[in-house]
PDB file of N, CA and C in Angstrom:
ATOM      1  N   ILE A   1     -77.193   0.234  56.498  1.00  0.00           N
ATOM      2  CA  ILE A   1     -77.699   1.523  56.948  1.00  0.00           C
ATOM      3  C   ILE A   1     -78.325   1.295  58.312  1.00  0.00           C
ATOM      4  N   SER A   2     -77.873   2.077  59.285  1.00  0.00           N
ATOM      5  CA  SER A   2     -78.268   1.839  60.673  1.00  0.00           C
ATOM      6  C   SER A   2     -79.742   2.101  60.943  1.00  0.00           C
ATOM      7  N   SER A   3     -80.373   2.982  60.184  1.00  0.00           N
ATOM      8  CA  SER A   3     -81.774   3.301  60.434  1.00  0.00           C
ATOM      9  C   SER A   3     -82.450   3.632  59.111  1.00  0.00           C
ATOM     10  N   SER A   4     -83.546   2.947  58.816  1.00  0.00           N
ATOM     11  CA  SER A   4     -84.230   3.189  57.542  1.00  0.00           C
ATOM     12  C   SER A   4     -85.355   4.207  57.665  1.00  0.00           C
ATOM     13  N   LYS A   5     -85.700   4.586  58.892  1.00  0.00           N
ATOM     14  CA  LYS A   5     -86.711   5.627  59.085  1.00  0.00           C
ATOM     15  C   LYS A   5     -86.521   6.248  60.462  1.00  0.00           C
ATOM     16  N   GLY A   6     -87.065   7.440  60.638  1.00  0.00           N
ATOM     17  CA  GLY A   6     -86.928   8.115  61.916  1.00  0.00           C
ATOM     18  C   GLY A   6     -87.656   9.440  61.905  1.00  0.00           C
ATOM     19  N   SER A   7     -87.479  10.198  62.970  1.00  0.00           N
ATOM     20  CA  SER A   7     -88.110  11.502  63.126  1.00  0.00           C
ATOM     21  C   SER A   7     -87.041  12.479  63.610  1.00  0.00           C
ATOM     22  N   ILE A   8     -87.065  13.711  63.078  1.00  0.00           N
ATOM     23  CA  ILE A   8     -86.066  14.713  63.426  1.00  0.00           C
ATOM     24  C   ILE A   8     -86.782  15.962  63.935  1.00  0.00           C
ATOM     25  N   ALA A   9     -86.414  16.409  65.123  1.00  0.00           N
ATOM     26  CA  ALA A   9     -87.006  17.624  65.703  1.00  0.00           C
ATOM     27  C   ALA A   9     -86.536  18.841  64.906  1.00  0.00           C
ATOM     28  N   PRO A  10     -87.312  19.915  64.906  1.00  0.00           N
ATOM     29  CA  PRO A  10     -86.925  21.130  64.184  1.00  0.00           C
ATOM     30  C   PRO A  10     -85.548  21.637  64.617  1.00  0.00           C
ATOM     31  N   GLY A  11     -84.712  22.010  63.647  1.00  0.00           N
ATOM     32  CA  GLY A  11     -83.383  22.540  63.921  1.00  0.00           C
ATOM     33  C   GLY A  11     -82.359  21.500  64.335  1.00  0.00           C
ATOM     34  N   GLN A  12     -82.714  20.222  64.311  1.00  0.00           N
ATOM     35  CA  GLN A  12     -81.814  19.149  64.734  1.00  0.00           C
ATOM     36  C   GLN A  12     -81.327  18.360  63.513  1.00  0.00           C
ATOM     37  N   SER A  13     -80.395  17.473  63.747  1.00  0.00           N
ATOM     38  CA  SER A  13     -79.911  16.577  62.690  1.00  0.00           C
ATOM     39  C   SER A  13     -80.028  15.136  63.171  1.00  0.00           C
ATOM     40  N   TYR A  14     -79.883  14.209  62.240  1.00  0.00           N
ATOM     41  CA  TYR A  14     -80.039  12.788  62.536  1.00  0.00           C
ATOM     42  C   TYR A  14     -78.847  12.059  61.922  1.00  0.00           C
ATOM     43  N   LYS A  15     -78.100  11.339  62.730  1.00  0.00           N
ATOM     44  CA  LYS A  15     -76.925  10.618  62.244  1.00  0.00           C
ATOM     45  C   LYS A  15     -77.309   9.200  61.832  1.00  0.00           C
ATOM     46  N   ILE A  16     -76.873   8.824  60.652  1.00  0.00           N
ATOM     47  CA  ILE A  16     -77.102   7.475  60.132  1.00  0.00           C
ATOM     48  C   ILE A  16     -75.735   6.872  59.820  1.00  0.00           C
ATOM     49  N   THR A  17     -75.494   5.674  60.297  1.00  0.00           N
ATOM     50  CA  THR A  17     -74.252   4.967  60.007  1.00  0.00           C
ATOM     51  C   THR A  17     -74.458   4.089  58.783  1.00  0.00           C
ATOM     52  N   VAL A  18     -73.562   4.226  57.822  1.00  0.00           N
ATOM     53  CA  VAL A  18     -73.597   3.405  56.612  1.00  0.00           C
ATOM     54  C   VAL A  18     -72.361   2.519  56.638  1.00  0.00           C
ATOM     55  N   LYS A  19     -72.554   1.204  56.559  1.00  0.00           N
ATOM     56  CA  LYS A  19     -71.452   0.248  56.627  1.00  0.00           C
ATOM     57  C   LYS A  19     -71.181  -0.324  55.235  1.00  0.00           C
ATOM     58  N   TYR A  20     -69.908  -0.482  54.914  1.00  0.00           N
ATOM     59  CA  TYR A  20     -69.488  -1.068  53.633  1.00  0.00           C
ATOM     60  C   TYR A  20     -68.585  -2.251  53.936  1.00  0.00           C
ATOM     61  N   VAL A  21     -68.942  -3.438  53.461  1.00  0.00           N
ATOM     62  CA  VAL A  21     -68.166  -4.654  53.695  1.00  0.00           C
ATOM     63  C   VAL A  21     -67.914  -5.327  52.346  1.00  0.00           C
ATOM     64  N   PRO A  22     -66.837  -4.953  51.656  1.00  0.00           N
ATOM     65  CA  PRO A  22     -66.567  -5.549  50.344  1.00  0.00           C
ATOM     66  C   PRO A  22     -66.076  -6.984  50.482  1.00  0.00           C
ATOM     67  N   SER A  23     -66.283  -7.778  49.434  1.00  0.00           N
ATOM     68  CA  SER A  23     -65.851  -9.172  49.480  1.00  0.00           C
ATOM     69  C   SER A  23     -64.939  -9.551  48.321  1.00  0.00           C
ATOM     70  N   ILE A  24     -64.869  -8.732  47.281  1.00  0.00           N
ATOM     71  CA  ILE A  24     -64.040  -9.036  46.120  1.00  0.00           C
ATOM     72  C   ILE A  24     -63.052  -7.889  45.913  1.00  0.00           C
ATOM     73  N   VAL A  25     -61.770  -8.209  45.856  1.00  0.00           N
ATOM     74  CA  VAL A  25     -60.720  -7.204  45.715  1.00  0.00           C
ATOM     75  C   VAL A  25     -60.879  -6.433  44.409  1.00  0.00           C
ATOM     76  N   ASP A  26     -60.703  -5.129  44.473  1.00  0.00           N
ATOM     77  CA  ASP A  26     -60.755  -4.190  43.345  1.00  0.00           C
ATOM     78  C   ASP A  26     -62.144  -4.008  42.746  1.00  0.00           C
ATOM     79  N   GLU A  27     -63.142  -4.677  43.272  1.00  0.00           N
ATOM     80  CA  GLU A  27     -64.498  -4.490  42.758  1.00  0.00           C
ATOM     81  C   GLU A  27     -65.054  -3.163  43.278  1.00  0.00           C
ATOM     82  N   VAL A  28     -65.696  -2.420  42.376  1.00  0.00           N
ATOM     83  CA  VAL A  28     -66.327  -1.161  42.748  1.00  0.00           C
ATOM     84  C   VAL A  28     -67.807  -1.422  42.983  1.00  0.00           C
ATOM     85  N   SER A  29     -68.306  -0.990  44.123  1.00  0.00           N
ATOM     86  CA  SER A  29     -69.719  -1.165  44.471  1.00  0.00           C
ATOM     87  C   SER A  29     -70.393   0.201  44.489  1.00  0.00           C
ATOM     88  N   CYS A  30     -71.608   0.256  43.965  1.00  0.00           N
ATOM     89  CA  CYS A  30     -72.379   1.500  43.935  1.00  0.00           C
ATOM     90  C   CYS A  30     -73.812   1.216  44.367  1.00  0.00           C
ATOM     91  N   ALA A  31     -74.409   2.186  45.018  1.00  0.00           N
ATOM     92  CA  ALA A  31     -75.828   2.093  45.388  1.00  0.00           C
ATOM     93  C   ALA A  31     -76.403   3.505  45.378  1.00  0.00           C
ATOM     94  N   TYR A  32     -77.650   3.608  44.964  1.00  0.00           N
ATOM     95  CA  TYR A  32     -78.348   4.892  44.917  1.00  0.00           C
ATOM     96  C   TYR A  32     -79.539   4.824  45.860  1.00  0.00           C
ATOM     97  N   TYR A  33     -79.741   5.869  46.636  1.00  0.00           N
ATOM     98  CA  TYR A  33     -80.837   5.907  47.600  1.00  0.00           C
ATOM     99  C   TYR A  33     -81.616   7.204  47.449  1.00  0.00           C
ATOM    100  N   THR A  34     -82.880   7.123  47.786  1.00  0.00           N
ATOM    101  CA  THR A  34     -83.734   8.297  47.876  1.00  0.00           C
ATOM    102  C   THR A  34     -84.413   8.276  49.233  1.00  0.00           C
ATOM    103  N   ILE A  35     -84.325   9.382  49.955  1.00  0.00           N
ATOM    104  CA  ILE A  35     -85.030   9.527  51.226  1.00  0.00           C
ATOM    105  C   ILE A  35     -86.229  10.428  50.961  1.00  0.00           C
ATOM    106  N   LYS A  36     -87.402   9.948  51.336  1.00  0.00           N
ATOM    107  CA  LYS A  36     -88.626  10.729  51.144  1.00  0.00           C
ATOM    108  C   LYS A  36     -89.144  11.199  52.494  1.00  0.00           C
ATOM    109  N   THR A  37     -89.547  12.462  52.559  1.00  0.00           N
ATOM    110  CA  THR A  37     -90.124  13.000  53.790  1.00  0.00           C
ATOM    111  C   THR A  37     -91.642  13.027  53.662  1.00  0.00           C
ATOM    112  N   MET A  38     -92.303  13.146  54.799  1.00  0.00           N
ATOM    113  CA  MET A  38     -93.771  13.192  54.796  1.00  0.00           C
ATOM    114  C   MET A  38     -94.288  14.400  54.012  1.00  0.00           C
ATOM    115  N   GLY A  39     -93.478  15.472  53.930  1.00  0.00           N
ATOM    116  CA  GLY A  39     -93.880  16.678  53.208  1.00  0.00           C
ATOM    117  C   GLY A  39     -93.654  16.588  51.706  1.00  0.00           C
ATOM    118  N   GLY A  40     -93.129  15.458  51.230  1.00  0.00           N
ATOM    119  CA  GLY A  40     -92.937  15.268  49.798  1.00  0.00           C
ATOM    120  C   GLY A  40     -91.544  15.579  49.279  1.00  0.00           C
ATOM    121  N   ASN A  41     -90.625  15.960  50.145  1.00  0.00           N
ATOM    122  CA  ASN A  41     -89.243  16.191  49.698  1.00  0.00           C
ATOM    123  C   ASN A  41     -88.575  14.864  49.357  1.00  0.00           C
ATOM    124  N   GLN A  42     -87.725  14.893  48.339  1.00  0.00           N
ATOM    125  CA  GLN A  42     -86.937  13.716  47.983  1.00  0.00           C
ATOM    126  C   GLN A  42     -85.463  14.099  48.017  1.00  0.00           C
ATOM    127  N   LEU A  43     -84.705  13.400  48.843  1.00  0.00           N
ATOM    128  CA  LEU A  43     -83.273  13.637  48.985  1.00  0.00           C
ATOM    129  C   LEU A  43     -82.545  12.430  48.405  1.00  0.00           C
ATOM    130  N   LYS A  44     -81.749  12.659  47.370  1.00  0.00           N
ATOM    131  CA  LYS A  44     -81.048  11.549  46.707  1.00  0.00           C
ATOM    132  C   LYS A  44     -79.571  11.582  47.074  1.00  0.00           C
ATOM    133  N   PHE A  45     -79.008  10.400  47.272  1.00  0.00           N
ATOM    134  CA  PHE A  45     -77.568  10.315  47.493  1.00  0.00           C
ATOM    135  C   PHE A  45     -77.034   9.007  46.942  1.00  0.00           C
ATOM    136  N   HIS A  46     -75.720   8.975  46.778  1.00  0.00           N
ATOM    137  CA  HIS A  46     -75.035   7.884  46.091  1.00  0.00           C
ATOM    138  C   HIS A  46     -73.935   7.353  47.005  1.00  0.00           C
ATOM    139  N   LEU A  47     -73.829   6.038  47.106  1.00  0.00           N
ATOM    140  CA  LEU A  47     -72.753   5.399  47.869  1.00  0.00           C
ATOM    141  C   LEU A  47     -71.828   4.695  46.884  1.00  0.00           C
ATOM    142  N   ARG A  48     -70.536   4.812  47.120  1.00  0.00           N
ATOM    143  CA  ARG A  48     -69.568   4.164  46.238  1.00  0.00           C
ATOM    144  C   ARG A  48     -68.392   3.703  47.082  1.00  0.00           C
ATOM    145  N   GLY A  49     -67.904   2.496  46.813  1.00  0.00           N
ATOM    146  CA  GLY A  49     -66.741   1.979  47.524  1.00  0.00           C
ATOM    147  C   GLY A  49     -65.965   1.026  46.642  1.00  0.00           C
ATOM    148  N   GLN A  50     -64.687   0.878  46.943  1.00  0.00           N
ATOM    149  CA  GLN A  50     -63.845  -0.058  46.204  1.00  0.00           C
ATOM    150  C   GLN A  50     -63.022  -0.850  47.205  1.00  0.00           C
ATOM    151  N   ALA A  51     -63.022  -2.163  47.033  1.00  0.00           N
ATOM    152  CA  ALA A  51     -62.290  -3.037  47.948  1.00  0.00           C
ATOM    153  C   ALA A  51     -60.792  -2.943  47.678  1.00  0.00           C
ATOM    154  N   GLU A  52     -60.044  -2.705  48.724  1.00  0.00           N
ATOM    155  CA  GLU A  52     -58.596  -2.606  48.620  1.00  0.00           C
ATOM    156  C   GLU A  52     -57.991  -3.999  48.661  1.00  0.00           C
ATOM    157  N   GLY A  53     -57.010  -4.241  47.825  1.00  0.00           N
ATOM    158  CA  GLY A  53     -56.347  -5.538  47.805  1.00  0.00           C
ATOM    159  C   GLY A  53     -55.299  -5.654  48.896  1.00  0.00           C
ATOM    160  N   TYR A  54     -54.785  -6.829  49.052  1.00  0.00           N
ATOM    161  CA  TYR A  54     -53.710  -7.053  50.013  1.00  0.00           C
ATOM    162  C   TYR A  54     -52.440  -6.388  49.503  1.00  0.00           C
ATOM    163  N   ASN A  55     -51.621  -5.934  50.401  1.00  0.00           N
ATOM    164  CA  ASN A  55     -50.348  -5.324  50.042  1.00  0.00           C
ATOM    165  C   ASN A  55     -49.269  -6.395  50.161  1.00  0.00           C
ATOM    166  N   VAL A  56     -49.078  -7.142  49.080  1.00  0.00           N
ATOM    167  CA  VAL A  56     -48.145  -8.264  49.060  1.00  0.00           C
ATOM    168  C   VAL A  56     -47.182  -8.062  47.892  1.00  0.00           C
ATOM    169  N   HIS A  57     -45.900  -8.288  48.134  1.00  0.00           N
ATOM    170  CA  HIS A  57     -44.942  -8.177  47.038  1.00  0.00           C
ATOM    171  C   HIS A  57     -43.811  -9.190  47.219  1.00  0.00           C
ATOM    172  N   LEU A  58     -43.094  -9.411  46.131  1.00  0.00           N
ATOM    173  CA  LEU A  58     -41.966 -10.341  46.122  1.00  0.00           C
ATOM    174  C   LEU A  58     -40.664  -9.570  46.272  1.00  0.00           C
ATOM    175  N   SER A  59     -39.658 -10.235  46.821  1.00  0.00           N
ATOM    176  CA  SER A  59     -38.345  -9.609  46.960  1.00  0.00           C
ATOM    177  C   SER A  59     -37.718  -9.342  45.596  1.00  0.00           C
ATOM    178  N   THR A  60     -38.086 -10.107  44.602  1.00  0.00           N
ATOM    179  CA  THR A  60     -37.621  -9.920  43.230  1.00  0.00           C
ATOM    180  C   THR A  60     -38.622 -10.574  42.291  1.00  0.00           C
ATOM    181  N   ARG A  61     -38.651 -10.137  41.046  1.00  0.00           N
ATOM    182  CA  ARG A  61     -39.551 -10.749  40.063  1.00  0.00           C
ATOM    183  C   ARG A  61     -38.806 -11.720  39.157  1.00  0.00           C
ATOM    184  N   THR A  62     -37.478 -11.733  39.235  1.00  0.00           N
ATOM    185  CA  THR A  62     -36.669 -12.627  38.412  1.00  0.00           C
ATOM    186  C   THR A  62     -35.537 -13.181  39.260  1.00  0.00           C
ATOM    187  N   ILE A  63     -35.304 -14.479  39.132  1.00  0.00           N
ATOM    188  CA  ILE A  63     -34.171 -15.111  39.805  1.00  0.00           C
ATOM    189  C   ILE A  63     -33.289 -15.727  38.728  1.00  0.00           C
ATOM    190  N   HIS A  64     -32.019 -15.307  38.679  1.00  0.00           N
ATOM    191  CA  HIS A  64     -31.066 -15.853  37.712  1.00  0.00           C
ATOM    192  C   HIS A  64     -30.202 -16.899  38.415  1.00  0.00           C
ATOM    193  N   PHE A  65     -30.125 -18.077  37.828  1.00  0.00           N
ATOM    194  CA  PHE A  65     -29.306 -19.147  38.387  1.00  0.00           C
ATOM    195  C   PHE A  65     -27.932 -19.211  37.731  1.00  0.00           C
ATOM    196  N   GLY A  66     -27.753 -18.507  36.639  1.00  0.00           N
ATOM    197  CA  GLY A  66     -26.472 -18.566  35.942  1.00  0.00           C
ATOM    198  C   GLY A  66     -26.266 -19.948  35.337  1.00  0.00           C
ATOM    199  N   GLU A  67     -25.029 -20.287  35.080  1.00  0.00           N
ATOM    200  CA  GLU A  67     -24.714 -21.597  34.503  1.00  0.00           C
ATOM    201  C   GLU A  67     -24.563 -22.619  35.623  1.00  0.00           C
ATOM    202  N   VAL A  68     -25.288 -23.706  35.506  1.00  0.00           N
ATOM    203  CA  VAL A  68     -25.253 -24.775  36.503  1.00  0.00           C
ATOM    204  C   VAL A  68     -24.980 -26.078  35.764  1.00  0.00           C
ATOM    205  N   GLN A  69     -24.035 -26.853  36.258  1.00  0.00           N
ATOM    206  CA  GLN A  69     -23.704 -28.126  35.614  1.00  0.00           C
ATOM    207  C   GLN A  69     -24.891 -29.078  35.702  1.00  0.00           C
ATOM    208  N   THR A  70     -25.047 -29.923  34.695  1.00  0.00           N
ATOM    209  CA  THR A  70     -26.141 -30.890  34.688  1.00  0.00           C
ATOM    210  C   THR A  70     -26.042 -31.788  35.911  1.00  0.00           C
ATOM    211  N   LYS A  71     -27.204 -32.136  36.421  1.00  0.00           N
ATOM    212  CA  LYS A  71     -27.358 -33.006  37.592  1.00  0.00           C
ATOM    213  C   LYS A  71     -26.892 -32.355  38.894  1.00  0.00           C
ATOM    214  N   GLN A  72     -26.513 -31.080  38.867  1.00  0.00           N
ATOM    215  CA  GLN A  72     -26.112 -30.352  40.066  1.00  0.00           C
ATOM    216  C   GLN A  72     -27.289 -29.496  40.539  1.00  0.00           C
ATOM    217  N   THR A  73     -27.284 -29.155  41.801  1.00  0.00           N
ATOM    218  CA  THR A  73     -28.358 -28.355  42.387  1.00  0.00           C
ATOM    219  C   THR A  73     -27.793 -27.031  42.882  1.00  0.00           C
ATOM    220  N   THR A  74     -28.545 -25.968  42.654  1.00  0.00           N
ATOM    221  CA  THR A  74     -28.210 -24.668  43.234  1.00  0.00           C
ATOM    222  C   THR A  74     -29.501 -24.035  43.742  1.00  0.00           C
ATOM    223  N   ASN A  75     -29.405 -23.253  44.792  1.00  0.00           N
ATOM    224  CA  ASN A  75     -30.591 -22.663  45.419  1.00  0.00           C
ATOM    225  C   ASN A  75     -30.504 -21.143  45.430  1.00  0.00           C
ATOM    226  N   ARG A  76     -31.650 -20.505  45.377  1.00  0.00           N
ATOM    227  CA  ARG A  76     -31.773 -19.062  45.550  1.00  0.00           C
ATOM    228  C   ARG A  76     -32.986 -18.824  46.446  1.00  0.00           C
ATOM    229  N   LEU A  77     -33.032 -17.688  47.123  1.00  0.00           N
ATOM    230  CA  LEU A  77     -34.156 -17.360  48.001  1.00  0.00           C
ATOM    231  C   LEU A  77     -35.112 -16.382  47.330  1.00  0.00           C
ATOM    232  N   LEU A  78     -36.389 -16.597  47.558  1.00  0.00           N
ATOM    233  CA  LEU A  78     -37.441 -15.683  47.135  1.00  0.00           C
ATOM    234  C   LEU A  78     -38.274 -15.382  48.372  1.00  0.00           C
ATOM    235  N   ASN A  79     -38.432 -14.119  48.702  1.00  0.00           N
ATOM    236  CA  ASN A  79     -39.228 -13.725  49.862  1.00  0.00           C
ATOM    237  C   ASN A  79     -40.555 -13.144  49.414  1.00  0.00           C
ATOM    238  N   ILE A  80     -41.619 -13.560  50.082  1.00  0.00           N
ATOM    239  CA  ILE A  80     -42.945 -12.983  49.874  1.00  0.00           C
ATOM    240  C   ILE A  80     -43.222 -12.103  51.088  1.00  0.00           C
ATOM    241  N   HIS A  81     -43.438 -10.819  50.855  1.00  0.00           N
ATOM    242  CA  HIS A  81     -43.663  -9.862  51.938  1.00  0.00           C
ATOM    243  C   HIS A  81     -45.146  -9.511  52.024  1.00  0.00           C
ATOM    244  N   ASN A  82     -45.718  -9.661  53.202  1.00  0.00           N
ATOM    245  CA  ASN A  82     -47.114  -9.287  53.448  1.00  0.00           C
ATOM    246  C   ASN A  82     -47.125  -8.020  54.296  1.00  0.00           C
ATOM    247  N   GLU A  83     -47.426  -6.883  53.664  1.00  0.00           N
ATOM    248  CA  GLU A  83     -47.494  -5.600  54.363  1.00  0.00           C
ATOM    249  C   GLU A  83     -48.937  -5.266  54.753  1.00  0.00           C
ATOM    250  N   SER A  84     -49.835  -6.244  54.634  1.00  0.00           N
ATOM    251  CA  SER A  84     -51.250  -6.042  54.933  1.00  0.00           C
ATOM    252  C   SER A  84     -51.521  -6.184  56.423  1.00  0.00           C
ATOM    253  N   ASP A  85     -52.714  -5.817  56.813  1.00  0.00           N
ATOM    254  CA  ASP A  85     -53.144  -5.964  58.205  1.00  0.00           C
ATOM    255  C   ASP A  85     -53.699  -7.351  58.495  1.00  0.00           C
ATOM    256  N   LEU A  86     -53.881  -8.159  57.450  1.00  0.00           N
ATOM    257  CA  LEU A  86     -54.482  -9.482  57.596  1.00  0.00           C
ATOM    258  C   LEU A  86     -53.538 -10.550  57.069  1.00  0.00           C
ATOM    259  N   PRO A  87     -53.665 -11.787  57.554  1.00  0.00           N
ATOM    260  CA  PRO A  87     -52.848 -12.870  57.005  1.00  0.00           C
ATOM    261  C   PRO A  87     -53.288 -13.191  55.577  1.00  0.00           C
ATOM    262  N   ILE A  88     -52.371 -13.706  54.783  1.00  0.00           N
ATOM    263  CA  ILE A  88     -52.702 -14.115  53.419  1.00  0.00           C
ATOM    264  C   ILE A  88     -52.350 -15.581  53.234  1.00  0.00           C
ATOM    265  N   SER A  89     -52.977 -16.192  52.267  1.00  0.00           N
ATOM    266  CA  SER A  89     -52.620 -17.542  51.836  1.00  0.00           C
ATOM    267  C   SER A  89     -52.048 -17.419  50.437  1.00  0.00           C
ATOM    268  N   PHE A  90     -51.157 -18.323  50.069  1.00  0.00           N
ATOM    269  CA  PHE A  90     -50.617 -18.292  48.716  1.00  0.00           C
ATOM    270  C   PHE A  90     -50.430 -19.710  48.215  1.00  0.00           C
ATOM    271  N   GLN A  91     -50.336 -19.843  46.902  1.00  0.00           N
ATOM    272  CA  GLN A  91     -50.117 -21.135  46.265  1.00  0.00           C
ATOM    273  C   GLN A  91     -49.353 -20.892  44.979  1.00  0.00           C
ATOM    274  N   PHE A  92     -48.297 -21.651  44.750  1.00  0.00           N
ATOM    275  CA  PHE A  92     -47.549 -21.552  43.506  1.00  0.00           C
ATOM    276  C   PHE A  92     -48.307 -22.276  42.404  1.00  0.00           C
ATOM    277  N   MET A  93     -48.480 -21.610  41.287  1.00  0.00           N
ATOM    278  CA  MET A  93     -49.121 -22.195  40.118  1.00  0.00           C
ATOM    279  C   MET A  93     -48.021 -22.373  39.075  1.00  0.00           C
ATOM    280  N   THR A  94     -47.707 -23.617  38.724  1.00  0.00           N
ATOM    281  CA  THR A  94     -46.594 -23.876  37.811  1.00  0.00           C
ATOM    282  C   THR A  94     -47.045 -24.713  36.629  1.00  0.00           C
ATOM    283  N   GLU A  95     -46.217 -24.701  35.605  1.00  0.00           N
ATOM    284  CA  GLU A  95     -46.471 -25.531  34.437  1.00  0.00           C
ATOM    285  C   GLU A  95     -45.934 -26.931  34.708  1.00  0.00           C
ATOM    286  N   LYS A  96     -46.526 -27.920  34.058  1.00  0.00           N
ATOM    287  CA  LYS A  96     -46.023 -29.290  34.171  1.00  0.00           C
ATOM    288  C   LYS A  96     -44.656 -29.364  33.497  1.00  0.00           C
ATOM    289  N   CYS A  97     -43.850 -30.317  33.891  1.00  0.00           N
ATOM    290  CA  CYS A  97     -42.500 -30.530  33.345  1.00  0.00           C
ATOM    291  C   CYS A  97     -41.575 -29.357  33.644  1.00  0.00           C
ATOM    292  N   ASN A  98     -41.788 -28.693  34.738  1.00  0.00           N
ATOM    293  CA  ASN A  98     -40.966 -27.565  35.139  1.00  0.00           C
ATOM    294  C   ASN A  98     -39.676 -28.083  35.766  1.00  0.00           C
ATOM    295  N   LEU A  99     -38.530 -27.501  35.421  1.00  0.00           N
ATOM    296  CA  LEU A  99     -37.247 -27.937  35.974  1.00  0.00           C
ATOM    297  C   LEU A  99     -36.928 -27.289  37.311  1.00  0.00           C
ATOM    298  N   PHE A 100     -37.749 -26.340  37.721  1.00  0.00           N
ATOM    299  CA  PHE A 100     -37.535 -25.656  38.994  1.00  0.00           C
ATOM    300  C   PHE A 100     -38.463 -26.233  40.048  1.00  0.00           C
ATOM    301  N   ALA A 101     -37.960 -26.349  41.271  1.00  0.00           N
ATOM    302  CA  ALA A 101     -38.787 -26.905  42.342  1.00  0.00           C
ATOM    303  C   ALA A 101     -38.665 -26.054  43.584  1.00  0.00           C
TER     304      ALA A 101
END
């Protein structure tokens, strides 16, 4: 919040900038505030935001190799598309003793 206190002339308004910087994807953040005036008024408001995830997708979710002779190698392509505004990092998580490399 750009300003936690101030003074407003009669008939005028006061602009306050509220910044939201999420750090965990899909997490919903909430905050409740009360502004109190010298005359005893209480103005309540609520802030809510949700972090947007990266827009990343695969060219396919399944790759079929068909029948392949033992000890022979065949290759297929898998594309990872990043449609986000920021770079992403990725890592393949596989089971041990996997026949695919």
